[in-house]
């Protein structure tokens, strides 16, 4: 694959991704993000494959940055999902979870 073809694919993917995300209502962003965390993992694997095939120092640098960004994207997706799920728990469940193992013990 030549550099021009790779650049064309990247620009097309960026434009398509922006158009798809821009048309999603705000209320659906978090549920869609939690449902698409597997896609972040696939992106990470793709970045690692691209880094593995890198030949020049520039390709290796760009590939390494791609792996870092993809890993940050995957971890961030799971962090946001966890925070979203915390919002749906009742206040009693949140207070009980934060009390720890010794919450039910009585001392005289």
N, C-alpha and C. Protein backbone atom coordinates (compact mmCIF):
# COMPACT_ATOMS: atom_id res chain seq x y z
N UNK A 1 0.86 -1.18 0.00
CA UNK A 1 0.00 0.00 0.00
C UNK A 1 0.91 1.24 0.00
N UNK A 2 0.66 2.13 -0.93
CA UNK A 2 1.46 3.34 -1.00
C UNK A 2 0.99 4.36 0.03
N UNK A 3 1.83 5.36 0.26
CA UNK A 3 1.50 6.39 1.24
C UNK A 3 0.26 7.18 0.86
N UNK A 4 0.06 7.41 -0.44
CA UNK A 4 -1.11 8.17 -0.88
C UNK A 4 -2.40 7.39 -0.63
N UNK A 5 -2.37 6.09 -0.85
CA UNK A 5 -3.55 5.27 -0.61
C UNK A 5 -3.86 5.22 0.88
N UNK A 6 -2.82 5.06 1.71
CA UNK A 6 -3.02 5.03 3.16
C UNK A 6 -3.57 6.36 3.65
N UNK A 7 -3.07 7.46 3.12
CA UNK A 7 -3.57 8.78 3.51
C UNK A 7 -5.02 8.96 3.07
N UNK A 8 -5.36 8.50 1.90
CA UNK A 8 -6.74 8.57 1.41
C UNK A 8 -7.68 7.77 2.30
N UNK A 9 -7.26 6.56 2.67
CA UNK A 9 -8.10 5.71 3.54
C UNK A 9 -8.27 6.39 4.90
N UNK A 10 -7.20 6.95 5.44
CA UNK A 10 -7.28 7.64 6.73
C UNK A 10 -8.24 8.82 6.67
N UNK A 11 -8.13 9.63 5.63
CA UNK A 11 -9.02 10.80 5.51
C UNK A 11 -10.47 10.36 5.33
N UNK A 12 -10.70 9.34 4.56
CA UNK A 12 -12.06 8.83 4.36
C UNK A 12 -12.63 8.28 5.66
N UNK A 13 -11.83 7.54 6.42
CA UNK A 13 -12.29 7.00 7.70
C UNK A 13 -12.58 8.12 8.70
N UNK A 14 -11.73 9.14 8.74
CA UNK A 14 -11.95 10.26 9.66
C UNK A 14 -13.22 11.02 9.30
N UNK A 15 -13.44 11.28 8.03
CA UNK A 15 -14.65 11.98 7.60
C UNK A 15 -15.90 11.16 7.90
N UNK A 16 -15.85 9.86 7.57
CA UNK A 16 -17.01 9.00 7.82
C UNK A 16 -17.31 8.90 9.31
N UNK A 17 -16.28 8.71 10.12
CA UNK A 17 -16.47 8.64 11.57
C UNK A 17 -17.07 9.91 12.13
N UNK A 18 -16.58 11.06 11.66
CA UNK A 18 -17.13 12.33 12.13
C UNK A 18 -18.60 12.47 11.75
N UNK A 19 -18.94 12.14 10.52
CA UNK A 19 -20.32 12.27 10.07
C UNK A 19 -21.26 11.34 10.83
N UNK A 20 -20.80 10.13 11.11
CA UNK A 20 -21.65 9.18 11.84
C UNK A 20 -21.86 9.66 13.28
N UNK A 21 -20.80 10.07 13.96
CA UNK A 21 -20.91 10.49 15.36
C UNK A 21 -21.67 11.80 15.47
N UNK A 22 -21.51 12.69 14.53
CA UNK A 22 -22.17 14.00 14.61
C UNK A 22 -23.69 13.86 14.51
N UNK A 23 -24.18 12.81 13.92
CA UNK A 23 -25.63 12.64 13.74
C UNK A 23 -26.29 11.85 14.87
N UNK A 24 -25.53 11.43 15.86
CA UNK A 24 -26.09 10.67 16.99
C UNK A 24 -26.57 11.66 18.04
N UNK A 25 -27.80 11.51 18.53
CA UNK A 25 -28.28 12.41 19.59
C UNK A 25 -27.41 12.30 20.85
N UNK A 26 -27.30 13.39 21.58
CA UNK A 26 -26.43 13.44 22.75
C UNK A 26 -26.80 12.36 23.77
N UNK A 27 -28.07 12.10 23.95
CA UNK A 27 -28.50 11.14 24.96
C UNK A 27 -28.03 9.72 24.64
N UNK A 28 -27.70 9.44 23.39
CA UNK A 28 -27.28 8.09 23.00
C UNK A 28 -25.76 7.89 23.00
N UNK A 29 -24.99 8.95 23.17
CA UNK A 29 -23.54 8.81 23.07
C UNK A 29 -22.97 7.81 24.07
N UNK A 30 -23.34 7.91 25.34
CA UNK A 30 -22.77 7.02 26.34
C UNK A 30 -23.18 5.57 26.14
N UNK A 31 -24.47 5.26 25.92
CA UNK A 31 -24.80 3.85 25.67
C UNK A 31 -24.13 3.28 24.42
N UNK A 32 -24.02 4.10 23.38
CA UNK A 32 -23.35 3.61 22.18
C UNK A 32 -21.87 3.38 22.44
N UNK A 33 -21.27 4.24 23.25
CA UNK A 33 -19.86 4.08 23.55
C UNK A 33 -19.63 2.81 24.36
N UNK A 34 -20.52 2.53 25.30
CA UNK A 34 -20.34 1.31 26.09
C UNK A 34 -20.55 0.08 25.23
N UNK A 35 -21.42 0.16 24.26
CA UNK A 35 -21.65 -0.98 23.39
C UNK A 35 -20.59 -1.17 22.33
N UNK A 36 -19.76 -0.19 22.11
CA UNK A 36 -18.76 -0.29 21.06
C UNK A 36 -17.34 -0.36 21.59
N UNK A 37 -17.16 -0.70 22.85
CA UNK A 37 -15.81 -0.82 23.40
C UNK A 37 -15.00 -1.90 22.69
N UNK A 38 -15.66 -2.91 22.18
CA UNK A 38 -14.93 -3.94 21.44
C UNK A 38 -14.28 -3.37 20.19
N UNK A 39 -14.87 -2.34 19.61
CA UNK A 39 -14.29 -1.72 18.43
C UNK A 39 -12.96 -1.06 18.78
N UNK A 40 -12.87 -0.49 19.98
CA UNK A 40 -11.61 0.12 20.41
C UNK A 40 -10.51 -0.94 20.49
N UNK A 41 -10.87 -2.14 20.93
CA UNK A 41 -9.89 -3.22 20.97
C UNK A 41 -9.44 -3.63 19.59
N UNK A 42 -10.35 -3.63 18.64
CA UNK A 42 -9.99 -3.98 17.27
C UNK A 42 -9.06 -2.91 16.69
N UNK A 43 -9.34 -1.66 17.00
CA UNK A 43 -8.47 -0.57 16.53
C UNK A 43 -7.07 -0.74 17.12
N UNK A 44 -6.99 -1.12 18.39
CA UNK A 44 -5.70 -1.34 19.03
C UNK A 44 -4.94 -2.48 18.35
N UNK A 45 -5.62 -3.56 18.04
CA UNK A 45 -4.96 -4.67 17.34
C UNK A 45 -4.49 -4.22 15.97
N UNK A 46 -5.31 -3.45 15.26
CA UNK A 46 -4.90 -2.94 13.96
C UNK A 46 -3.69 -2.03 14.04
N UNK A 47 -3.63 -1.21 15.07
CA UNK A 47 -2.47 -0.32 15.25
C UNK A 47 -1.22 -1.14 15.55
N UNK A 48 -1.37 -2.22 16.32
CA UNK A 48 -0.20 -3.06 16.61
C UNK A 48 0.27 -3.80 15.36
N UNK A 49 -0.66 -4.23 14.52
CA UNK A 49 -0.28 -4.89 13.27
C UNK A 49 0.43 -3.90 12.35
N UNK A 50 -0.08 -2.68 12.30
CA UNK A 50 0.57 -1.65 11.47
C UNK A 50 1.97 -1.34 11.99
N UNK A 51 2.11 -1.28 13.32
CA UNK A 51 3.43 -1.03 13.90
C UNK A 51 4.37 -2.19 13.61
N UNK A 52 3.85 -3.42 13.64
CA UNK A 52 4.69 -4.58 13.34
C UNK A 52 5.21 -4.59 11.91
N UNK A 53 4.46 -3.99 11.00
CA UNK A 53 4.90 -3.95 9.61
C UNK A 53 5.68 -2.70 9.25
N UNK A 54 5.95 -1.85 10.22
CA UNK A 54 6.66 -0.60 9.95
C UNK A 54 8.12 -0.89 9.60
N UNK A 55 8.64 -0.12 8.63
CA UNK A 55 10.00 -0.31 8.17
C UNK A 55 10.91 0.86 8.55
N UNK A 56 10.47 2.07 8.26
CA UNK A 56 11.30 3.24 8.50
C UNK A 56 11.06 3.79 9.91
N UNK A 57 11.99 4.59 10.42
CA UNK A 57 11.78 5.20 11.74
C UNK A 57 10.51 6.07 11.81
N UNK A 58 10.17 6.75 10.72
CA UNK A 58 8.95 7.56 10.70
C UNK A 58 7.72 6.67 10.84
N UNK A 59 7.68 5.56 10.10
CA UNK A 59 6.55 4.64 10.21
C UNK A 59 6.46 4.05 11.61
N UNK A 60 7.60 3.73 12.22
CA UNK A 60 7.60 3.18 13.57
C UNK A 60 7.11 4.21 14.58
N UNK A 61 7.49 5.46 14.40
CA UNK A 61 7.04 6.52 15.30
C UNK A 61 5.54 6.73 15.19
N UNK A 62 5.05 6.82 13.96
CA UNK A 62 3.61 7.00 13.75
C UNK A 62 2.84 5.79 14.27
N UNK A 63 3.36 4.58 14.05
CA UNK A 63 2.72 3.37 14.55
C UNK A 63 2.68 3.33 16.06
N UNK A 64 3.77 3.74 16.70
CA UNK A 64 3.81 3.76 18.17
C UNK A 64 2.80 4.76 18.72
N UNK A 65 2.71 5.93 18.10
CA UNK A 65 1.73 6.93 18.53
C UNK A 65 0.32 6.38 18.34
N UNK A 66 0.11 5.66 17.22
CA UNK A 66 -1.19 5.04 16.97
C UNK A 66 -1.56 4.02 18.04
N UNK A 67 -0.59 3.21 18.46
CA UNK A 67 -0.85 2.22 19.51
C UNK A 67 -1.17 2.93 20.82
N UNK A 68 -0.42 3.98 21.15
CA UNK A 68 -0.71 4.72 22.39
C UNK A 68 -2.11 5.33 22.37
N UNK A 69 -2.48 5.96 21.27
CA UNK A 69 -3.81 6.57 21.18
C UNK A 69 -4.91 5.52 21.21
N UNK A 70 -4.71 4.40 20.54
CA UNK A 70 -5.72 3.35 20.53
C UNK A 70 -5.88 2.74 21.92
N UNK A 71 -4.78 2.55 22.63
CA UNK A 71 -4.85 2.00 23.99
C UNK A 71 -5.57 2.98 24.92
N UNK A 72 -5.24 4.27 24.79
CA UNK A 72 -5.93 5.28 25.60
C UNK A 72 -7.42 5.33 25.29
N UNK A 73 -7.76 5.15 24.04
CA UNK A 73 -9.16 5.15 23.64
C UNK A 73 -9.90 3.96 24.23
N UNK A 74 -9.28 2.79 24.21
CA UNK A 74 -9.92 1.59 24.76
C UNK A 74 -10.10 1.72 26.27
N UNK A 75 -9.06 2.14 26.97
CA UNK A 75 -9.16 2.29 28.43
C UNK A 75 -10.17 3.37 28.79
N UNK A 76 -10.15 4.48 28.08
CA UNK A 76 -11.10 5.56 28.35
C UNK A 76 -12.54 5.12 28.14
N UNK A 77 -12.77 4.28 27.13
CA UNK A 77 -14.12 3.79 26.89
C UNK A 77 -14.64 2.97 28.05
N UNK A 78 -13.77 2.14 28.62
CA UNK A 78 -14.21 1.34 29.77
C UNK A 78 -14.38 2.18 31.02
N UNK A 79 -13.55 3.21 31.20
CA UNK A 79 -13.69 4.09 32.36
C UNK A 79 -15.01 4.85 32.29
N UNK A 80 -15.33 5.38 31.13
CA UNK A 80 -16.58 6.12 30.96
C UNK A 80 -17.78 5.19 31.14
N UNK A 81 -17.67 3.96 30.64
CA UNK A 81 -18.76 3.00 30.82
C UNK A 81 -18.98 2.71 32.29
N UNK A 82 -17.91 2.53 33.04
CA UNK A 82 -18.04 2.28 34.47
C UNK A 82 -18.71 3.45 35.19
N UNK A 83 -18.32 4.66 34.83
CA UNK A 83 -18.95 5.85 35.43
C UNK A 83 -20.42 5.94 35.05
N UNK A 84 -20.74 5.58 33.82
CA UNK A 84 -22.14 5.62 33.39
C UNK A 84 -22.97 4.61 34.18
N UNK A 85 -22.43 3.42 34.38
CA UNK A 85 -23.16 2.41 35.12
C UNK A 85 -23.34 2.80 36.58
N UNK A 86 -22.40 3.53 37.15
CA UNK A 86 -22.54 4.03 38.52
C UNK A 86 -23.72 4.98 38.64
N UNK A 87 -24.03 5.73 37.59
CA UNK A 87 -25.14 6.68 37.64
C UNK A 87 -26.49 5.96 37.76
N UNK A 88 -26.57 4.73 37.30
CA UNK A 88 -27.83 4.02 37.31
C UNK A 88 -28.06 3.20 38.58
N UNK A 89 -27.07 3.16 39.46
CA UNK A 89 -27.25 2.46 40.74
C UNK A 89 -28.02 3.36 41.69
N UNK A 90 -28.78 2.73 42.60
CA UNK A 90 -29.51 3.53 43.59
C UNK A 90 -28.52 4.11 44.59
N UNK A 91 -28.92 5.17 45.28
CA UNK A 91 -28.00 5.84 46.21
C UNK A 91 -27.64 4.92 47.37
N UNK A 92 -28.53 4.02 47.77
CA UNK A 92 -28.22 3.07 48.83
C UNK A 92 -27.16 2.07 48.42
N UNK A 93 -27.21 1.63 47.18
CA UNK A 93 -26.21 0.68 46.68
C UNK A 93 -24.85 1.34 46.58
N UNK A 94 -24.81 2.62 46.22
CA UNK A 94 -23.53 3.33 46.13
C UNK A 94 -22.93 3.52 47.51
N UNK A 95 -23.76 3.87 48.51
CA UNK A 95 -23.26 4.10 49.86
C UNK A 95 -22.77 2.79 50.47
N UNK A 96 -23.46 1.69 50.23
CA UNK A 96 -23.05 0.40 50.76
C UNK A 96 -21.77 -0.11 50.12
N UNK A 97 -21.58 0.18 48.86
CA UNK A 97 -20.38 -0.28 48.16
C UNK A 97 -19.15 0.47 48.64
N UNK A 98 -19.30 1.71 49.04
CA UNK A 98 -18.16 2.50 49.47
C UNK A 98 -17.82 2.29 50.93
N UNK A 99 -18.66 1.60 51.70
CA UNK A 99 -18.44 1.47 53.14
C UNK A 99 -17.36 0.45 53.45
N UNK A 100 -17.12 -0.52 52.62
CA UNK A 100 -16.07 -1.48 52.85
C UNK A 100 -16.58 -2.72 53.55
N UNK A 101 -15.66 -3.63 53.87
CA UNK A 101 -16.02 -4.93 54.44
C UNK A 101 -16.47 -4.83 55.88
N UNK A 102 -16.01 -3.83 56.62
CA UNK A 102 -16.33 -3.73 58.04
C UNK A 102 -17.60 -2.95 58.33
N UNK A 103 -18.40 -2.66 57.33
CA UNK A 103 -19.59 -1.81 57.53
C UNK A 103 -20.64 -2.50 58.36
N UNK A 104 -20.76 -3.81 58.30
CA UNK A 104 -21.83 -4.50 59.00
C UNK A 104 -21.47 -4.95 60.41
N UNK A 105 -20.23 -4.74 60.82
CA UNK A 105 -19.79 -5.21 62.13
C UNK A 105 -20.16 -4.21 63.22
N UNK A 106 -20.54 -4.75 64.37
CA UNK A 106 -20.82 -3.91 65.53
C UNK A 106 -19.70 -4.03 66.54
N UNK A 107 -19.37 -2.92 67.13
CA UNK A 107 -18.39 -2.95 68.21
C UNK A 107 -19.07 -2.45 69.47
N UNK A 108 -18.81 -3.11 70.59
CA UNK A 108 -19.46 -2.73 71.84
C UNK A 108 -18.59 -1.81 72.64
